[in-house]
Structures are given as structure tokens and as C-alpha cells.
N, C-alpha and C. Protein backbone atom coordinates (compact mmCIF):
# COMPACT_ATOMS: atom_id res chain seq x y z
N MET A 1 -110.94 30.57 65.78
CA MET A 1 -109.75 29.96 65.19
C MET A 1 -108.50 30.66 65.79
N GLY A 2 -107.44 29.89 65.93
CA GLY A 2 -106.23 30.44 66.45
C GLY A 2 -105.33 31.20 65.40
N ALA A 3 -104.64 32.14 65.86
CA ALA A 3 -103.86 32.92 64.88
C ALA A 3 -102.62 32.08 64.64
N SER A 4 -102.20 31.98 63.34
CA SER A 4 -100.98 31.29 62.90
C SER A 4 -99.69 31.96 63.43
N VAL A 5 -98.81 31.30 63.91
CA VAL A 5 -97.58 31.83 64.48
C VAL A 5 -96.43 31.47 63.52
N GLU A 6 -95.84 32.67 63.11
CA GLU A 6 -94.64 32.34 62.19
C GLU A 6 -93.42 31.94 63.00
N GLY A 7 -92.73 30.90 62.47
CA GLY A 7 -91.55 30.51 63.25
C GLY A 7 -90.39 31.43 63.04
N ARG A 8 -89.46 31.33 63.90
CA ARG A 8 -88.22 32.21 63.92
C ARG A 8 -87.38 31.76 62.73
N PHE A 9 -87.31 30.58 62.39
CA PHE A 9 -86.38 30.05 61.30
C PHE A 9 -87.10 29.51 60.21
N LEU A 10 -86.52 29.68 58.97
CA LEU A 10 -87.01 29.25 57.71
C LEU A 10 -86.14 28.15 57.05
N LEU A 11 -86.74 27.26 56.47
CA LEU A 11 -86.01 26.29 55.61
C LEU A 11 -85.54 26.96 54.36
N LEU A 12 -84.46 26.47 53.72
CA LEU A 12 -83.98 27.06 52.53
C LEU A 12 -85.04 27.12 51.49
N SER A 13 -85.92 26.08 51.42
CA SER A 13 -86.96 26.12 50.50
C SER A 13 -88.06 27.20 50.72
N ASP A 14 -88.27 27.52 52.08
CA ASP A 14 -89.13 28.56 52.40
C ASP A 14 -88.53 29.92 51.96
N VAL A 15 -87.22 30.08 52.06
CA VAL A 15 -86.50 31.27 51.67
C VAL A 15 -86.58 31.42 50.19
N ALA A 16 -86.45 30.35 49.49
CA ALA A 16 -86.61 30.29 47.96
C ALA A 16 -87.94 30.74 47.55
N ALA A 17 -88.89 30.26 48.17
CA ALA A 17 -90.34 30.66 47.95
C ALA A 17 -90.49 32.20 48.14
N GLU A 18 -90.02 32.64 49.30
CA GLU A 18 -90.21 34.09 49.60
C GLU A 18 -89.48 35.01 48.53
N LEU A 19 -88.30 34.56 48.14
CA LEU A 19 -87.54 35.41 47.04
C LEU A 19 -87.89 35.05 45.65
N ASN A 20 -88.68 34.00 45.47
CA ASN A 20 -88.97 33.59 44.19
C ASN A 20 -87.87 33.19 43.36
N VAL A 21 -86.95 32.43 43.99
CA VAL A 21 -85.74 31.92 43.29
C VAL A 21 -85.64 30.50 43.52
N SER A 22 -84.71 29.73 43.02
CA SER A 22 -84.60 28.31 43.14
C SER A 22 -83.96 28.00 44.48
N ASP A 23 -84.13 26.81 45.05
CA ASP A 23 -83.52 26.27 46.26
C ASP A 23 -82.03 26.38 46.03
N SER A 24 -81.45 26.09 44.79
CA SER A 24 -80.02 26.04 44.74
C SER A 24 -79.50 27.40 44.74
N GLN A 25 -80.25 28.37 44.31
CA GLN A 25 -79.76 29.78 44.39
C GLN A 25 -79.56 30.19 45.96
N VAL A 26 -80.61 29.85 46.75
CA VAL A 26 -80.40 30.05 48.12
C VAL A 26 -79.41 29.34 48.73
N TYR A 27 -79.22 28.08 48.43
CA TYR A 27 -78.06 27.31 49.00
C TYR A 27 -76.72 28.00 48.65
N HIS A 28 -76.55 28.51 47.43
CA HIS A 28 -75.29 29.22 47.02
C HIS A 28 -75.15 30.50 47.92
N MET A 29 -76.29 31.24 48.05
CA MET A 29 -76.28 32.42 48.87
C MET A 29 -75.86 32.17 50.31
N VAL A 30 -76.31 31.07 50.78
CA VAL A 30 -75.94 30.78 52.17
C VAL A 30 -74.50 30.30 52.29
N ARG A 31 -74.19 29.31 51.40
CA ARG A 31 -72.78 28.82 51.40
C ARG A 31 -71.63 29.92 51.12
N SER A 32 -71.98 30.90 50.23
CA SER A 32 -71.00 31.92 49.98
C SER A 32 -71.08 33.02 51.15
N GLY A 33 -71.93 32.94 52.18
CA GLY A 33 -72.03 33.94 53.15
C GLY A 33 -72.81 35.12 52.85
N GLU A 34 -73.28 35.20 51.69
CA GLU A 34 -74.19 36.29 51.30
C GLU A 34 -75.41 36.44 52.13
N LEU A 35 -76.02 35.39 52.47
CA LEU A 35 -77.13 35.32 53.37
C LEU A 35 -76.87 34.44 54.63
N PRO A 36 -76.85 35.15 55.78
CA PRO A 36 -76.57 34.50 57.02
C PRO A 36 -77.56 33.38 57.36
N ALA A 37 -76.93 32.25 57.79
CA ALA A 37 -77.73 31.05 58.13
C ALA A 37 -76.95 30.23 59.05
N ILE A 38 -77.65 29.23 59.77
CA ILE A 38 -77.10 28.40 60.71
C ILE A 38 -77.28 26.94 60.23
N LYS A 39 -76.36 25.98 60.62
CA LYS A 39 -76.62 24.61 60.39
C LYS A 39 -76.85 23.95 61.70
N ILE A 40 -77.99 23.09 61.72
CA ILE A 40 -78.48 22.55 62.94
C ILE A 40 -78.69 21.11 62.77
N GLY A 41 -78.75 20.29 63.86
CA GLY A 41 -79.21 18.91 63.80
C GLY A 41 -78.01 18.04 63.28
N GLY A 42 -78.30 16.80 63.43
CA GLY A 42 -77.21 15.70 63.07
C GLY A 42 -76.83 15.68 61.59
N ARG A 43 -77.81 16.15 60.74
CA ARG A 43 -77.59 16.11 59.37
C ARG A 43 -77.14 17.38 58.75
N GLY A 44 -77.05 18.43 59.70
CA GLY A 44 -76.63 19.66 59.38
C GLY A 44 -77.52 20.40 58.41
N GLN A 45 -78.77 20.60 58.76
CA GLN A 45 -79.71 21.17 57.93
C GLN A 45 -79.62 22.71 58.18
N TRP A 46 -79.71 23.44 57.05
CA TRP A 46 -79.59 24.90 57.04
C TRP A 46 -80.99 25.44 57.52
N ARG A 47 -80.83 26.61 58.24
CA ARG A 47 -81.90 27.46 58.63
C ARG A 47 -81.51 28.91 58.52
N VAL A 48 -82.46 29.74 58.06
CA VAL A 48 -82.29 31.13 58.00
C VAL A 48 -83.28 31.77 58.92
N GLU A 49 -82.70 32.64 59.70
CA GLU A 49 -83.64 33.39 60.63
C GLU A 49 -84.39 34.42 59.81
N ARG A 50 -85.63 34.44 60.19
CA ARG A 50 -86.59 35.43 59.42
C ARG A 50 -86.08 36.86 59.53
N ALA A 51 -85.55 37.28 60.70
CA ALA A 51 -85.04 38.61 60.79
C ALA A 51 -83.87 38.87 59.90
N LYS A 52 -82.97 37.86 59.71
CA LYS A 52 -81.79 38.01 58.91
C LYS A 52 -82.25 38.05 57.44
N LEU A 53 -83.28 37.41 57.00
CA LEU A 53 -83.79 37.34 55.66
C LEU A 53 -84.36 38.83 55.38
N GLU A 54 -85.01 39.44 56.35
CA GLU A 54 -85.60 40.74 56.25
C GLU A 54 -84.47 41.67 56.11
N GLU A 55 -83.39 41.59 56.86
CA GLU A 55 -82.21 42.41 56.75
C GLU A 55 -81.58 42.33 55.40
N TYR A 56 -81.52 41.06 54.86
CA TYR A 56 -80.94 40.83 53.57
C TYR A 56 -81.81 41.55 52.53
N ILE A 57 -83.06 41.40 52.55
CA ILE A 57 -83.93 42.07 51.63
C ILE A 57 -83.72 43.67 51.61
N GLN A 58 -83.66 44.21 52.84
CA GLN A 58 -83.51 45.54 52.96
C GLN A 58 -82.17 46.00 52.35
N GLY A 59 -81.12 45.11 52.55
CA GLY A 59 -79.93 45.50 51.98
C GLY A 59 -79.88 45.52 50.42
N LYS A 60 -80.57 44.57 49.93
CA LYS A 60 -80.76 44.49 48.49
C LYS A 60 -81.48 45.66 47.96
N TYR A 61 -82.49 46.21 48.66
CA TYR A 61 -83.21 47.42 48.27
C TYR A 61 -82.23 48.56 48.16
N ALA A 62 -81.30 48.67 49.21
CA ALA A 62 -80.37 49.70 49.24
C ALA A 62 -79.39 49.62 48.00
N GLU A 63 -78.86 48.33 47.91
CA GLU A 63 -77.95 48.14 46.66
C GLU A 63 -78.53 48.53 45.49
N THR A 64 -79.76 48.24 45.37
CA THR A 64 -80.47 48.45 43.97
C THR A 64 -80.71 50.04 43.83
N ALA A 65 -81.01 50.66 44.92
CA ALA A 65 -81.14 52.18 44.81
C ALA A 65 -79.89 52.83 44.36
N VAL A 66 -78.74 52.42 45.00
CA VAL A 66 -77.48 52.90 44.54
C VAL A 66 -77.20 52.50 43.07
N TRP A 67 -77.43 51.30 42.63
CA TRP A 67 -77.22 51.01 41.21
C TRP A 67 -78.15 51.80 40.32
N VAL A 68 -79.39 52.09 40.64
CA VAL A 68 -80.24 52.82 39.79
C VAL A 68 -79.63 54.32 39.76
N ARG A 69 -79.35 54.79 40.79
CA ARG A 69 -78.70 56.23 40.78
C ARG A 69 -77.39 56.27 39.88
N GLU A 70 -76.69 55.29 39.96
CA GLU A 70 -75.35 55.23 39.26
C GLU A 70 -75.48 54.93 37.74
N ASN A 71 -76.74 54.33 37.42
CA ASN A 71 -76.91 53.82 36.12
C ASN A 71 -78.31 54.34 35.60
N PRO A 72 -78.42 55.67 35.37
CA PRO A 72 -79.66 56.27 34.97
C PRO A 72 -80.08 55.84 33.52
N MET A 73 -81.39 55.69 33.35
CA MET A 73 -81.88 55.32 32.02
C MET A 73 -81.43 56.53 31.11
N SER A 74 -80.94 56.14 29.94
CA SER A 74 -80.73 57.23 28.92
C SER A 74 -82.04 57.46 28.25
N GLU A 75 -82.39 58.73 28.03
CA GLU A 75 -83.64 59.06 27.27
C GLU A 75 -83.38 58.80 25.81
N ARG A 76 -84.50 58.39 25.17
CA ARG A 76 -84.37 58.14 23.77
C ARG A 76 -84.14 59.52 22.94
N GLU A 77 -83.27 59.43 22.03
CA GLU A 77 -83.02 60.68 21.20
C GLU A 77 -84.12 60.91 20.34
N PRO A 78 -84.63 62.12 20.17
CA PRO A 78 -85.74 62.48 19.33
C PRO A 78 -85.48 62.12 17.92
N ASP A 79 -86.60 61.59 17.29
CA ASP A 79 -86.41 61.28 15.83
C ASP A 79 -86.11 62.47 14.93
């Protein structure tokens, strides 16, 4: 059996599945510039490069780490 080859570009629906969010959330991320993407073809279909998605995810990990440091969980006061 041949090994499956992952494509360079993903459909917005593929990105949504990867991130476990809705297609409309991904569309908003792309249209707002939060997630880099390109429009191709006569109908202007959106594509996200796999490497850009990975960079986006790593950036979100970094943002989350900063947020966690700046918003520590308060310990419960003893009864």
C-alpha cells in the first residue's frame, strides 16, 4: 500500500475539523486576517497552507501561556 501524502493546502472545512470549530468561525478568522489564507480559482475559494495553520496553532499556544501566567488561578480560601 502507498503512503498517503498530505496536501500543502487545506479547505476551510478541513481547518475547521482540525481546530474543532465551525466552518463559519474559520471563515471569520480568514476574513479578519487572523489566519493567513489565499483565494484561488474563478470562484475565489479559500485555502490555508498547512504550515500557516501550524504557525497559527503555535502562536495560540504562546498567547495562552501568557494569559495563564497573567491570570493565575486563585486558591480556595480554607474553610
